[in-house]
């Protein structure tokens, strides 16, 4: 897994012209410079948190807040509010019960933060390397991990790990995202694997496994009970263990557990991400550019919704309330990254500077 991460970072740094979109207008955005110890109140209103990985093996991860109405970015809000660094390699953020949960991978911690003041309310520790948190209820959540063949079960009220779910993987395993359908949670096994796990939330056990392509990297659930899964196909390191194949998009029926269709993708896409809009009726695929299609579509559109141009987009998020698309450029993983905001029709609305290696987005709609 670590070899894969280092190879991807090295290749990404060599990509030319990853500073601005070709032929895209430059749009000015108000930036707030971070100040040590400076408290920052979000106030009321909708917006988006930007989760920045930072530089691997250093405590340079950060969290930003963007107000789309004011077109204003507040940088490094976690450190400013708490006078401590966020940590090493922030991975994702989830909001539940009015609290934000920020997962910091290499630091092995999940911070619970106030959504208005960004101050830490508590933390959950004891993980190998957490990736994503999914709330089954107010008193139970699942946390996927890297380099650990277990999913952690967490009590968010006590902020303690209460148990584990065996994934049947190896020490190189990495279970990533989770989606819930009925009483079952589906989780994609990415690193050196080709499975989706079906977890019964009543027994906290894996009841079924669904084989898809090599290395399911991202997935999303649509309104029709279909799970869309993009597989990256692996690389030379993975090929030695489980083989290599072209990346592909798969549609899995959550009820029958059948892979209904698979579509081969462009191998030059490099980073892959899936999302759905707020209705669950439209699917977005990051593969070089952004491909947008109806959840009932039989094939991908002929042209992308948003062109990749000179930028190799690293992360993607779709605002469930507005349908706006946010795309991030990590540039060289050493300097401040850039986020591009596109309207629901695909036109560039804004761009703004964020932290190092912007990876994920978490939307708050009020």
Protein backbone atom coordinates (compact mmCIF):
# COMPACT_ATOMS: atom_id res chain seq x y z
CA UNK A 1 0.00 0.00 0.00
CA UNK A 2 2.76 2.44 0.94
CA UNK A 3 4.58 1.64 -2.30
CA UNK A 4 1.44 2.50 -4.22
CA UNK A 5 1.06 5.80 -2.40
CA UNK A 6 4.68 6.80 -3.04
CA UNK A 7 4.46 5.85 -6.74
CA UNK A 8 1.25 7.82 -7.23
CA UNK A 9 2.62 10.88 -5.50
CA UNK A 10 5.83 10.75 -7.58
CA UNK A 11 3.96 10.37 -10.86
CA UNK A 12 1.47 13.10 -9.91
CA UNK A 13 4.30 15.55 -9.22
CA UNK A 14 5.60 15.08 -12.76
CA UNK A 15 2.35 16.03 -14.46
CA UNK A 16 2.85 19.29 -16.39
CA UNK A 17 0.77 22.43 -16.19
CA UNK A 18 -1.12 21.51 -13.02
CA UNK A 19 -1.55 25.07 -11.86
CA UNK A 20 -4.57 26.38 -13.76
CA UNK A 21 -7.24 25.13 -16.11
CA UNK A 22 -6.60 25.59 -19.80
CA UNK A 23 -8.64 28.51 -21.08
CA UNK A 24 -10.35 28.88 -17.70
CA UNK A 25 -10.97 32.41 -16.41
CA UNK A 26 -9.14 33.44 -13.26
CA UNK A 27 -11.68 34.30 -10.59
CA UNK A 28 -10.67 36.17 -7.46
CA UNK A 29 -11.68 34.79 -4.07
CA UNK A 30 -11.38 36.38 -0.65
CA UNK A 31 -8.85 34.50 1.50
CA UNK A 32 -8.39 34.69 5.24
CA UNK A 33 -4.75 34.26 6.23
CA UNK A 34 -4.27 31.80 9.11
CA UNK A 35 -3.03 33.23 12.37
CA UNK A 36 -1.79 31.10 15.24
CA UNK A 37 -4.36 31.02 18.01
CA UNK A 38 -6.93 32.95 15.98
CA UNK A 39 -10.44 31.69 16.71
CA UNK A 40 -12.74 31.55 13.71
CA UNK A 41 -16.53 31.34 13.86
CA UNK A 42 -18.32 29.90 10.88
CA UNK A 43 -21.60 31.53 11.72
CA UNK A 44 -24.86 30.42 10.12
CA UNK A 45 -25.31 29.33 6.54
CA UNK A 46 -24.24 26.62 4.16
CA UNK A 47 -20.77 25.83 2.97
CA UNK A 48 -18.14 23.17 2.55
CA UNK A 49 -15.21 21.88 4.56
CA UNK A 50 -12.09 21.08 2.54
CA UNK A 51 -10.00 18.26 4.00
CA UNK A 52 -6.31 18.64 3.12
CA UNK A 53 -4.04 15.64 3.51
CA UNK A 54 -0.87 17.66 4.06
CA UNK A 55 2.56 16.21 3.39
CA UNK A 56 2.85 12.51 4.18
CA UNK A 57 4.81 11.78 7.38
CA UNK A 58 4.46 15.34 8.71
CA UNK A 59 1.79 17.03 10.88
CA UNK A 60 0.76 19.36 8.04
CA UNK A 61 -2.83 18.21 7.43
CA UNK A 62 -5.37 21.02 7.60
CA UNK A 63 -9.05 21.87 7.41
CA UNK A 64 -10.52 24.82 5.48
CA UNK A 65 -14.03 26.30 5.40
CA UNK A 66 -15.52 27.85 2.25
CA UNK A 67 -18.62 30.06 2.19
CA UNK A 68 -20.04 29.86 -1.38
CA UNK A 69 -22.39 32.83 -0.95
CA UNK A 70 -19.63 35.19 0.16
CA UNK A 71 -16.99 33.39 -1.92
CA UNK A 72 -14.77 33.46 1.13
CA UNK A 73 -12.26 30.84 2.24
CA UNK A 74 -11.12 30.42 5.86
CA UNK A 75 -7.84 28.50 5.84
CA UNK A 76 -6.38 26.22 8.52
CA UNK A 77 -9.40 26.60 10.78
CA UNK A 78 -8.65 23.56 12.98
CA UNK A 79 -5.22 24.80 14.05
CA UNK A 80 -6.46 28.37 14.48
CA UNK A 81 -9.29 27.26 16.75
CA UNK A 82 -7.37 24.72 18.82
CA UNK A 83 -3.72 25.84 18.77
CA UNK A 84 -2.65 22.33 17.79
CA UNK A 85 -1.94 20.78 14.37
CA UNK A 86 -4.61 18.58 12.80
CA UNK A 87 -1.99 15.86 12.29
CA UNK A 88 -0.51 13.63 9.60
CA UNK A 89 -2.61 12.86 6.50
CA UNK A 90 -6.23 13.89 6.95
CA UNK A 91 -8.44 11.51 5.00
CA UNK A 92 -12.14 12.38 5.26
CA UNK A 93 -14.83 14.20 7.21
CA UNK A 94 -18.40 13.25 8.12
CA UNK A 95 -21.13 15.25 9.87
CA UNK A 96 -23.47 13.47 12.27
CA UNK A 97 -25.70 14.89 14.99
CA UNK A 98 -24.42 18.40 14.46
CA UNK A 99 -20.80 17.36 15.04
CA UNK A 100 -18.02 17.07 12.46
CA UNK A 101 -15.80 13.98 12.58
CA UNK A 102 -12.41 14.50 10.93
CA UNK A 103 -10.48 11.31 10.19
CA UNK A 104 -6.69 11.70 10.32
CA UNK A 105 -5.17 8.61 8.79
CA UNK A 106 -1.49 8.47 9.68
CA UNK A 107 -2.07 9.99 13.12
CA UNK A 108 -4.60 7.25 13.92
CA UNK A 109 -7.21 9.62 15.34
CA UNK A 110 -10.71 10.94 14.64
CA UNK A 111 -11.44 14.43 16.00
CA UNK A 112 -15.00 15.44 16.89
CA UNK A 113 -15.28 19.18 16.19
CA UNK A 114 -17.88 21.88 16.72
CA UNK A 115 -19.26 22.95 13.35
CA UNK A 116 -19.47 26.63 14.29
CA UNK A 117 -16.27 27.22 16.27
CA UNK A 118 -14.18 24.31 14.89
CA UNK A 119 -13.05 23.55 18.43
CA UNK A 120 -12.35 19.94 19.42
CA UNK A 121 -15.14 18.35 21.48
CA UNK A 122 -13.32 15.03 21.85
CA UNK A 123 -11.36 12.40 19.96
CA UNK A 124 -11.42 8.69 19.18
CA UNK A 125 -8.07 6.92 19.20
CA UNK A 126 -6.61 3.41 19.06
CA UNK A 127 -6.87 2.85 15.30
CA UNK A 128 -4.23 1.35 13.05
CA UNK A 129 -4.87 3.86 10.28
CA UNK A 130 -8.47 5.13 9.96
CA UNK A 131 -9.96 6.04 6.57
CA UNK A 132 -13.70 6.74 6.82
CA UNK A 133 -16.39 6.76 9.51
CA UNK A 134 -20.00 5.71 8.84
CA UNK A 135 -22.76 6.14 11.43
CA UNK A 136 -25.11 3.20 11.75
CA UNK A 137 -26.96 4.94 14.59
CA UNK A 138 -26.37 7.60 17.25
CA UNK A 139 -24.60 4.99 19.37
CA UNK A 140 -22.72 2.96 16.77
CA UNK A 141 -20.39 3.76 13.90
CA UNK A 142 -18.01 1.79 11.67
CA UNK A 143 -14.47 2.98 10.91
CA UNK A 144 -12.56 1.50 7.97
CA UNK A 145 -8.79 1.12 8.23
CA UNK A 146 -5.65 0.79 6.14
CA UNK A 147 -3.11 -1.99 6.73
CA UNK A 148 -5.54 -3.74 9.06
CA UNK A 149 -7.92 -6.61 8.18
CA UNK A 150 -10.56 -5.23 10.56
CA UNK A 151 -13.25 -2.56 10.57
CA UNK A 152 -13.48 -0.89 13.96
CA UNK A 153 -16.82 -0.54 15.74
CA UNK A 154 -17.08 2.73 17.65
CA UNK A 155 -19.46 4.14 20.25
CA UNK A 156 -19.58 7.86 19.36
CA UNK A 157 -21.15 8.75 22.73
CA UNK A 158 -18.23 7.37 24.75
CA UNK A 159 -15.77 7.84 21.87
CA UNK A 160 -14.39 4.36 22.40
CA UNK A 161 -13.66 1.40 20.12
CA UNK A 162 -16.06 -1.34 21.24
CA UNK A 163 -15.20 -4.13 18.81
CA UNK A 164 -14.05 -5.16 15.35
CA UNK A 165 -15.44 -6.73 12.19
CA UNK A 166 -13.08 -9.17 10.47
CA UNK A 167 -12.78 -8.41 6.74
CA UNK A 168 -10.95 -11.55 5.66
CA UNK A 169 -8.12 -9.47 4.25
CA UNK A 170 -4.40 -9.33 4.93
CA UNK A 171 -2.10 -6.85 6.68
CA UNK A 172 -1.96 -4.95 3.36
CA UNK A 173 -5.74 -4.57 3.27
CA UNK A 174 -7.43 -1.21 3.05
CA UNK A 175 -11.19 -0.99 3.43
CA UNK A 176 -12.39 2.40 2.24
CA UNK A 177 -15.85 3.89 1.82
CA UNK A 178 -19.17 2.62 3.12
CA UNK A 179 -22.77 2.97 1.92
CA UNK A 180 -25.89 1.74 3.67
CA UNK A 181 -28.89 0.00 2.11
CA UNK A 182 -31.55 -1.38 4.41
CA UNK A 183 -29.85 -2.96 7.40
CA UNK A 184 -26.68 -3.68 5.42
CA UNK A 185 -23.52 -1.65 5.02
CA UNK A 186 -21.41 -2.22 1.90
CA UNK A 187 -17.68 -1.51 2.11
CA UNK A 188 -15.10 -1.56 -0.69
CA UNK A 189 -11.80 -3.41 -0.13
CA UNK A 190 -9.30 -1.39 -2.12
CA UNK A 191 -5.63 -2.24 -1.59
CA UNK A 192 -4.59 -5.59 -3.12
CA UNK A 193 -8.22 -6.73 -3.23
CA UNK A 194 -11.29 -7.02 -5.45
CA UNK A 195 -14.25 -7.32 -3.05
CA UNK A 196 -17.22 -5.46 -1.66
CA UNK A 197 -18.15 -6.58 1.83
CA UNK A 198 -21.78 -6.89 2.93
CA UNK A 199 -22.08 -6.22 6.67
CA UNK A 200 -25.21 -6.97 8.71
CA UNK A 201 -25.54 -4.01 11.07
CA UNK A 202 -27.58 -6.06 13.53
CA UNK A 203 -24.86 -8.69 14.04
CA UNK A 204 -21.79 -6.64 13.00
CA UNK A 205 -20.61 -9.48 10.78
CA UNK A 206 -19.71 -9.84 7.10
CA UNK A 207 -22.47 -11.97 5.60
CA UNK A 208 -21.47 -11.85 1.92
CA UNK A 209 -18.66 -10.82 -0.43
CA UNK A 210 -19.16 -9.45 -3.94
CA UNK A 211 -16.28 -9.73 -6.41
CA UNK A 212 -15.81 -6.72 -8.68
CA UNK A 213 -12.70 -5.57 -10.57
CA UNK A 214 -9.18 -5.20 -9.18
CA UNK A 215 -8.96 -2.55 -6.45
CA UNK A 216 -12.39 -0.93 -5.97
CA UNK A 217 -11.28 2.64 -5.25
CA UNK A 218 -14.57 4.49 -4.75
CA UNK A 219 -18.31 3.87 -4.69
CA UNK A 220 -21.67 5.59 -4.34
CA UNK A 221 -25.27 4.48 -3.82
CA UNK A 222 -28.02 5.87 -6.07
CA UNK A 223 -31.74 6.24 -5.36
CA UNK A 224 -32.54 2.97 -7.16
CA UNK A 225 -30.54 0.80 -4.79
CA UNK A 226 -27.64 0.45 -7.22
CA UNK A 227 -24.08 0.68 -5.95
CA UNK A 228 -21.70 2.26 -8.45
CA UNK A 229 -18.11 1.11 -8.01
CA UNK A 230 -15.01 2.32 -9.85
CA UNK A 231 -11.98 -0.01 -9.86
CA UNK A 232 -8.52 1.34 -10.65
CA UNK A 233 -7.16 -1.99 -11.95
CA UNK A 234 -4.01 -1.94 -9.81
CA UNK A 235 -0.42 -1.42 -10.95
CA UNK A 236 2.82 -3.39 -11.15
CA UNK A 237 2.97 -3.91 -7.39
CA UNK A 238 -0.62 -5.16 -7.29
CA UNK A 239 -0.18 -7.32 -10.40
CA UNK A 240 2.29 -9.54 -8.56
CA UNK A 241 -0.39 -10.32 -5.97
CA UNK A 242 -3.81 -10.32 -7.67
CA UNK A 243 -3.22 -9.27 -11.28
CA UNK A 244 -3.73 -6.10 -13.27
CA UNK A 245 -6.57 -4.97 -15.53
CA UNK A 246 -7.92 -1.74 -17.04
CA UNK A 247 -9.95 0.48 -14.71
CA UNK A 248 -13.70 0.01 -14.94
CA UNK A 249 -17.04 1.25 -13.71
CA UNK A 250 -19.39 -1.37 -12.25
CA UNK A 251 -23.04 -1.29 -11.21
CA UNK A 252 -24.06 -3.63 -8.40
CA UNK A 253 -27.63 -4.30 -7.33
CA UNK A 254 -27.74 -3.94 -3.53
CA UNK A 255 -30.71 -6.30 -3.18
CA UNK A 256 -29.52 -9.20 -5.34
CA UNK A 257 -25.73 -8.58 -4.87
CA UNK A 258 -25.29 -9.08 -8.62
CA UNK A 259 -22.81 -7.09 -10.73
CA UNK A 260 -25.23 -5.97 -13.43
CA UNK A 261 -22.79 -4.30 -15.78
CA UNK A 262 -19.16 -3.21 -16.19
CA UNK A 263 -17.72 -0.50 -18.45
CA UNK A 264 -14.01 -0.16 -19.16
CA UNK A 265 -12.52 3.28 -18.46
CA UNK A 266 -9.64 5.36 -19.75
CA UNK A 267 -6.40 4.23 -18.06
CA UNK A 268 -5.08 7.79 -18.25
CA UNK A 269 -7.59 9.02 -15.69
CA UNK A 270 -5.23 8.13 -12.84
CA UNK A 271 -7.48 9.35 -9.98
CA UNK A 272 -10.95 7.93 -9.64
CA UNK A 273 -13.87 9.12 -7.51
CA UNK A 274 -17.62 8.59 -7.52
CA UNK A 275 -20.42 10.72 -6.09
CA UNK A 276 -24.17 11.24 -6.53
CA UNK A 277 -26.27 14.39 -6.34
CA UNK A 278 -28.71 15.11 -3.53
CA UNK A 279 -31.54 13.19 -5.21
CA UNK A 280 -29.42 10.11 -5.87
CA UNK A 281 -30.56 10.23 -9.49
CA UNK A 282 -27.38 11.57 -11.09
CA UNK A 283 -23.95 9.94 -10.86
CA UNK A 284 -20.62 11.79 -11.15
CA UNK A 285 -17.39 10.01 -12.05
CA UNK A 286 -13.95 11.58 -11.79
CA UNK A 287 -11.73 10.02 -14.45
CA UNK A 288 -9.45 12.72 -15.84
CA UNK A 289 -12.43 15.03 -16.23
CA UNK A 290 -15.88 14.68 -14.69
CA UNK A 291 -18.47 12.46 -16.32
CA UNK A 292 -22.09 13.10 -15.38
CA UNK A 293 -24.88 10.67 -16.21
CA UNK A 294 -28.34 9.60 -15.16
CA UNK A 295 -28.39 6.66 -12.73
CA UNK A 296 -30.52 4.68 -15.18
CA UNK A 297 -28.13 5.24 -18.11
CA UNK A 298 -26.82 2.21 -19.93
CA UNK A 299 -23.47 3.75 -20.84
CA UNK A 300 -21.24 6.74 -20.18
CA UNK A 301 -21.80 9.95 -22.18
CA UNK A 302 -19.58 10.59 -25.18
CA UNK A 303 -18.05 13.76 -23.71
CA UNK A 304 -17.16 14.76 -20.14
CA UNK A 305 -19.31 17.20 -18.19
CA UNK A 306 -16.15 19.03 -17.07
CA UNK A 307 -12.91 18.76 -19.03
CA UNK A 308 -9.73 17.91 -17.18
CA UNK A 309 -7.57 20.16 -19.33
CA UNK A 310 -4.11 20.74 -17.89
CA UNK A 311 -5.22 19.84 -14.36
CA UNK A 312 -5.15 16.31 -12.96
CA UNK A 313 -7.97 16.57 -10.46
CA UNK A 314 -7.25 14.86 -7.14
CA UNK A 315 -10.58 15.10 -5.31
CA UNK A 316 -14.25 15.69 -6.10
CA UNK A 317 -17.38 16.56 -4.15
CA UNK A 318 -20.94 17.33 -5.28
CA UNK A 319 -23.01 19.70 -3.15
CA UNK A 320 -26.22 17.72 -2.42
CA UNK A 321 -28.28 20.91 -2.16
CA UNK A 322 -27.14 22.81 -5.26
CA UNK A 323 -25.56 20.22 -7.57
CA UNK A 324 -22.39 22.32 -7.73
CA UNK A 325 -19.20 20.35 -8.29
CA UNK A 326 -15.99 21.00 -6.34
CA UNK A 327 -12.71 19.71 -7.78
CA UNK A 328 -9.28 19.87 -6.19
CA UNK A 329 -5.78 20.05 -7.62
CA UNK A 330 -2.97 18.88 -5.31
CA UNK A 331 -0.32 20.26 -7.73
CA UNK A 332 2.92 18.77 -6.31
CA UNK A 333 1.75 17.73 -2.81
CA UNK A 334 4.22 20.23 -1.30
CA UNK A 335 2.54 23.60 -1.82
CA UNK A 336 -0.94 24.98 -1.26
CA UNK A 337 -3.54 23.28 -3.44
CA UNK A 338 -6.38 24.79 -5.44
CA UNK A 339 -10.11 24.08 -5.45
CA UNK A 340 -12.32 24.82 -8.47
CA UNK A 341 -16.04 25.33 -7.96
CA UNK A 342 -18.34 24.60 -10.90
CA UNK A 343 -22.02 25.45 -11.18
CA UNK A 344 -24.68 22.80 -11.72
CA UNK A 345 -24.49 23.46 -15.48
CA UNK A 346 -20.72 22.90 -15.56
CA UNK A 347 -19.43 26.50 -15.77
CA UNK A 348 -16.52 27.60 -13.59
CA UNK A 349 -17.84 29.82 -10.78
CA UNK A 350 -14.87 30.29 -8.47
CA UNK A 351 -11.40 29.05 -7.56
CA UNK A 352 -9.52 29.42 -4.29
CA UNK A 353 -6.34 28.37 -2.53
CA UNK A 354 -6.48 25.72 0.20
CA UNK A 355 -4.04 23.57 2.17
CA UNK A 356 -1.55 20.99 0.96
CA UNK A 357 -3.04 18.07 -1.02
CA UNK A 358 -6.80 18.81 -0.84
CA UNK A 359 -8.44 15.40 -0.80
CA UNK A 360 -12.07 15.46 0.35
CA UNK A 361 -15.11 17.70 0.78
CA UNK A 362 -17.79 17.74 3.48
CA UNK A 363 -20.92 19.82 2.86
CA UNK A 364 -23.05 21.57 5.48
CA UNK A 365 -26.44 22.81 4.27
CA UNK A 366 -28.64 24.91 6.51
